N, C-alpha and C. Protein backbone atom coordinates (compact mmCIF):
# COMPACT_ATOMS: atom_id res chain seq x y z
N MET A 1 0.79 -1.21 0.00
CA MET A 1 0.00 0.00 0.00
C MET A 1 0.83 1.28 0.00
N PRO A 2 2.06 1.23 0.48
CA PRO A 2 2.83 2.46 0.43
C PRO A 2 3.03 2.95 -1.00
N GLY A 3 3.08 2.04 -1.97
CA GLY A 3 3.21 2.45 -3.36
C GLY A 3 1.98 3.19 -3.83
N GLU A 4 0.80 2.77 -3.38
CA GLU A 4 -0.43 3.46 -3.76
C GLU A 4 -0.46 4.87 -3.16
N LYS A 5 -0.01 4.98 -1.93
CA LYS A 5 0.01 6.30 -1.30
C LYS A 5 0.95 7.23 -2.05
N THR A 6 2.05 6.72 -2.47
CA THR A 6 3.00 7.51 -3.22
C THR A 6 2.39 7.96 -4.55
N ILE A 7 1.69 7.05 -5.22
CA ILE A 7 1.03 7.40 -6.47
C ILE A 7 -0.06 8.43 -6.20
N GLU A 8 -0.82 8.24 -5.12
CA GLU A 8 -1.85 9.21 -4.77
C GLU A 8 -1.24 10.58 -4.46
N THR A 9 -0.12 10.56 -3.76
CA THR A 9 0.57 11.80 -3.43
C THR A 9 1.05 12.49 -4.71
N VAL A 10 1.64 11.73 -5.60
CA VAL A 10 2.14 12.27 -6.87
C VAL A 10 0.98 12.83 -7.69
N ILE A 11 -0.12 12.10 -7.74
CA ILE A 11 -1.29 12.57 -8.49
C ILE A 11 -1.82 13.85 -7.87
N SER A 12 -1.87 13.90 -6.56
CA SER A 12 -2.33 15.09 -5.86
C SER A 12 -1.41 16.28 -6.15
N GLU A 13 -0.12 16.03 -6.10
CA GLU A 13 0.85 17.10 -6.40
C GLU A 13 0.73 17.54 -7.85
N LEU A 14 0.52 16.58 -8.75
CA LEU A 14 0.35 16.91 -10.17
C LEU A 14 -0.91 17.76 -10.37
N LYS A 15 -1.99 17.38 -9.70
CA LYS A 15 -3.23 18.16 -9.79
C LYS A 15 -3.02 19.57 -9.26
N ALA A 16 -2.29 19.69 -8.17
CA ALA A 16 -2.00 21.00 -7.60
C ALA A 16 -1.14 21.83 -8.57
N ALA A 17 -0.15 21.17 -9.17
CA ALA A 17 0.71 21.87 -10.14
C ALA A 17 -0.09 22.33 -11.35
N ILE A 18 -0.98 21.46 -11.83
CA ILE A 18 -1.82 21.81 -12.99
C ILE A 18 -2.75 22.97 -12.60
N GLY A 19 -3.32 22.91 -11.39
CA GLY A 19 -4.17 24.01 -10.91
C GLY A 19 -3.41 25.31 -10.84
N GLY A 20 -2.17 25.25 -10.35
CA GLY A 20 -1.33 26.45 -10.30
C GLY A 20 -1.02 26.98 -11.69
N LEU A 21 -0.75 26.08 -12.62
CA LEU A 21 -0.47 26.47 -14.00
C LEU A 21 -1.70 27.12 -14.63
N GLU A 22 -2.87 26.53 -14.40
CA GLU A 22 -4.10 27.11 -14.93
C GLU A 22 -4.33 28.51 -14.35
N SER A 23 -4.08 28.66 -13.06
CA SER A 23 -4.23 29.98 -12.44
C SER A 23 -3.26 30.99 -13.05
N ALA A 24 -2.02 30.55 -13.27
CA ALA A 24 -1.03 31.44 -13.87
C ALA A 24 -1.43 31.83 -15.29
N VAL A 25 -1.94 30.88 -16.06
CA VAL A 25 -2.38 31.16 -17.44
C VAL A 25 -3.56 32.12 -17.41
N ASP A 26 -4.52 31.88 -16.50
CA ASP A 26 -5.68 32.77 -16.39
C ASP A 26 -5.24 34.19 -16.03
N ALA A 27 -4.30 34.29 -15.08
CA ALA A 27 -3.80 35.61 -14.68
C ALA A 27 -3.09 36.30 -15.84
N ARG A 28 -2.32 35.53 -16.60
CA ARG A 28 -1.60 36.09 -17.75
C ARG A 28 -2.59 36.60 -18.80
N ILE A 29 -3.63 35.83 -19.07
CA ILE A 29 -4.65 36.24 -20.05
C ILE A 29 -5.34 37.51 -19.57
N GLU A 30 -5.63 37.59 -18.29
CA GLU A 30 -6.29 38.79 -17.73
C GLU A 30 -5.37 40.01 -17.86
N ARG A 31 -4.09 39.83 -17.58
CA ARG A 31 -3.14 40.95 -17.73
C ARG A 31 -3.06 41.40 -19.18
N GLN A 32 -3.09 40.44 -20.11
CA GLN A 32 -3.06 40.80 -21.54
C GLN A 32 -4.32 41.58 -21.92
N ARG A 33 -5.47 41.16 -21.41
CA ARG A 33 -6.71 41.90 -21.68
C ARG A 33 -6.63 43.32 -21.13
N GLU A 34 -6.12 43.43 -19.91
CA GLU A 34 -5.97 44.75 -19.30
C GLU A 34 -5.00 45.61 -20.11
N ALA A 35 -3.90 45.00 -20.56
CA ALA A 35 -2.92 45.74 -21.37
C ALA A 35 -3.57 46.21 -22.68
N GLN A 36 -4.38 45.36 -23.29
CA GLN A 36 -5.07 45.76 -24.52
C GLN A 36 -6.04 46.89 -24.25
N ASP A 37 -6.74 46.82 -23.11
CA ASP A 37 -7.65 47.90 -22.73
C ASP A 37 -6.88 49.21 -22.55
N VAL A 38 -5.72 49.12 -21.90
CA VAL A 38 -4.89 50.31 -21.69
C VAL A 38 -4.39 50.86 -23.02
N GLU A 39 -3.96 49.97 -23.90
CA GLU A 39 -3.47 50.40 -25.22
C GLU A 39 -4.59 51.09 -25.99
N GLY A 40 -5.80 50.55 -25.91
CA GLY A 40 -6.94 51.18 -26.57
C GLY A 40 -7.22 52.56 -26.00
N GLU A 41 -7.14 52.67 -24.70
CA GLU A 41 -7.36 53.97 -24.04
C GLU A 41 -6.28 54.97 -24.45
N VAL A 42 -5.04 54.50 -24.54
CA VAL A 42 -3.94 55.38 -24.96
C VAL A 42 -4.19 55.87 -26.39
N ARG A 43 -4.65 54.97 -27.27
CA ARG A 43 -4.96 55.39 -28.65
C ARG A 43 -6.07 56.43 -28.66
N ARG A 44 -7.10 56.23 -27.83
CA ARG A 44 -8.19 57.21 -27.76
C ARG A 44 -7.71 58.54 -27.23
N VAL A 45 -6.83 58.50 -26.22
CA VAL A 45 -6.29 59.74 -25.66
C VAL A 45 -5.46 60.48 -26.72
N HIS A 46 -4.66 59.74 -27.48
CA HIS A 46 -3.86 60.37 -28.53
C HIS A 46 -4.76 60.99 -29.61
N ALA A 47 -5.81 60.28 -29.97
CA ALA A 47 -6.76 60.81 -30.97
C ALA A 47 -7.43 62.07 -30.43
N ASP A 48 -7.84 62.04 -29.16
CA ASP A 48 -8.45 63.22 -28.55
C ASP A 48 -7.46 64.38 -28.51
N ARG A 49 -6.22 64.08 -28.17
CA ARG A 49 -5.20 65.12 -28.11
C ARG A 49 -4.99 65.75 -29.48
N ALA A 50 -4.93 64.92 -30.51
CA ALA A 50 -4.75 65.44 -31.87
C ALA A 50 -5.94 66.31 -32.27
N ARG A 51 -7.14 65.85 -31.94
CA ARG A 51 -8.34 66.63 -32.27
C ARG A 51 -8.34 67.95 -31.51
N LEU A 52 -8.01 67.91 -30.24
CA LEU A 52 -7.97 69.14 -29.43
C LEU A 52 -6.87 70.09 -29.92
N ALA A 53 -5.75 69.55 -30.32
CA ALA A 53 -4.67 70.39 -30.85
C ALA A 53 -5.13 71.09 -32.13
N GLN A 54 -5.84 70.36 -32.97
CA GLN A 54 -6.35 70.96 -34.20
C GLN A 54 -7.39 72.04 -33.88
N GLU A 55 -8.27 71.76 -32.94
CA GLU A 55 -9.27 72.76 -32.55
C GLU A 55 -8.60 73.99 -31.95
N LEU A 56 -7.56 73.77 -31.16
CA LEU A 56 -6.82 74.89 -30.58
C LEU A 56 -6.16 75.73 -31.66
N ASP A 57 -5.56 75.08 -32.65
CA ASP A 57 -4.96 75.81 -33.77
C ASP A 57 -6.00 76.64 -34.50
N GLN A 58 -7.16 76.06 -34.74
CA GLN A 58 -8.23 76.78 -35.42
C GLN A 58 -8.71 77.96 -34.58
N SER A 59 -8.84 77.75 -33.29
CA SER A 59 -9.27 78.83 -32.40
C SER A 59 -8.23 79.95 -32.36
N GLN A 60 -6.97 79.56 -32.34
CA GLN A 60 -5.90 80.57 -32.34
C GLN A 60 -5.91 81.36 -33.64
N PHE A 61 -6.14 80.68 -34.76
CA PHE A 61 -6.23 81.37 -36.04
C PHE A 61 -7.38 82.38 -36.02
N ARG A 62 -8.57 81.94 -35.52
CA ARG A 62 -9.72 82.85 -35.44
C ARG A 62 -9.44 84.02 -34.51
N ALA A 63 -8.78 83.76 -33.39
CA ALA A 63 -8.44 84.83 -32.45
C ALA A 63 -7.50 85.84 -33.10
N ASN A 64 -6.51 85.34 -33.83
CA ASN A 64 -5.58 86.24 -34.52
C ASN A 64 -6.31 87.06 -35.58
N ARG A 65 -7.20 86.41 -36.30
CA ARG A 65 -7.98 87.13 -37.33
C ARG A 65 -8.86 88.20 -36.69
N LEU A 66 -9.51 87.87 -35.57
CA LEU A 66 -10.35 88.85 -34.88
C LEU A 66 -9.51 90.02 -34.37
N GLU A 67 -8.30 89.72 -33.91
CA GLU A 67 -7.41 90.79 -33.46
C GLU A 67 -7.05 91.72 -34.61
N GLU A 68 -6.77 91.15 -35.77
CA GLU A 68 -6.46 91.96 -36.95
C GLU A 68 -7.66 92.83 -37.32
N VAL A 69 -8.84 92.24 -37.34
CA VAL A 69 -10.05 92.99 -37.69
C VAL A 69 -10.28 94.09 -36.66
N ASN A 70 -10.06 93.78 -35.39
CA ASN A 70 -10.24 94.77 -34.33
C ASN A 70 -9.30 95.95 -34.54
N ARG A 71 -8.04 95.69 -34.87
CA ARG A 71 -7.08 96.78 -35.14
C ARG A 71 -7.53 97.63 -36.32
N GLU A 72 -8.02 96.96 -37.37
CA GLU A 72 -8.48 97.70 -38.55
C GLU A 72 -9.69 98.57 -38.21
N VAL A 73 -10.64 98.03 -37.45
CA VAL A 73 -11.82 98.81 -37.05
C VAL A 73 -11.39 99.99 -36.19
N SER A 74 -10.48 99.75 -35.26
CA SER A 74 -9.98 100.82 -34.41
C SER A 74 -9.32 101.91 -35.24
N ARG A 75 -8.50 101.50 -36.20
CA ARG A 75 -7.83 102.48 -37.08
C ARG A 75 -8.85 103.31 -37.84
N ARG A 76 -9.89 102.65 -38.35
CA ARG A 76 -10.91 103.36 -39.11
C ARG A 76 -11.71 104.30 -38.21
N LEU A 77 -11.96 103.88 -36.97
CA LEU A 77 -12.68 104.76 -36.04
C LEU A 77 -11.86 106.01 -35.73
N VAL A 78 -10.58 105.82 -35.52
CA VAL A 78 -9.70 106.97 -35.27
C VAL A 78 -9.73 107.91 -36.47
N THR A 79 -9.64 107.36 -37.65
CA THR A 79 -9.70 108.18 -38.87
C THR A 79 -11.03 108.92 -38.96
N ALA A 80 -12.12 108.23 -38.67
CA ALA A 80 -13.45 108.85 -38.72
C ALA A 80 -13.56 109.96 -37.68
N MET A 81 -13.06 109.71 -36.47
CA MET A 81 -13.12 110.74 -35.42
C MET A 81 -12.29 111.96 -35.81
N GLU A 82 -11.13 111.74 -36.39
CA GLU A 82 -10.29 112.86 -36.83
C GLU A 82 -10.99 113.66 -37.95
N THR A 83 -11.64 112.95 -38.83
CA THR A 83 -12.36 113.62 -39.91
C THR A 83 -13.52 114.45 -39.33
N ILE A 84 -14.24 113.88 -38.38
CA ILE A 84 -15.36 114.61 -37.76
C ILE A 84 -14.82 115.84 -37.02
N ARG A 85 -13.73 115.72 -36.28
CA ARG A 85 -13.15 116.86 -35.58
C ARG A 85 -12.73 117.94 -36.57
N ALA A 86 -12.14 117.50 -37.67
CA ALA A 86 -11.70 118.48 -38.68
C ALA A 86 -12.89 119.22 -39.25
N VAL A 87 -13.98 118.51 -39.51
CA VAL A 87 -15.18 119.16 -40.04
C VAL A 87 -15.76 120.11 -39.01
N LEU A 88 -15.81 119.71 -37.77
CA LEU A 88 -16.38 120.54 -36.70
C LEU A 88 -15.51 121.77 -36.42
N ASP A 89 -14.22 121.66 -36.60
CA ASP A 89 -13.31 122.78 -36.36
C ASP A 89 -13.39 123.85 -37.45
N ARG A 90 -13.97 123.57 -38.56
CA ARG A 90 -14.03 124.53 -39.67
C ARG A 90 -15.05 125.55 -39.44
C-alpha cells in the first residue's frame, strides 16, 4: 500500500501543479486583456489630443484674425473721429 500512497501523493501534487499552472495562465490572459484595454485607451487619448490640438490651432487662427479685424476697425474709427473733428473745427 505504500506504493499506492506515493502514487496518490504524486497525483495530488500533479493536480496542484496543474491548478497552479491554470491559475497562472488565467492571470496572464487577464493581464493581456488589461494591457489591450490600456493600449486602446492610450490610442483614444492620442486621438483626442490630436483633435484638441487641431481645434486649438483653429481657435488661435480665429483669435488672430479677430485681433487683426479689431485693429483695422480701431484704425478706421480713429480716422473717422479725426475727420469729424476736422469738419467741426471749420
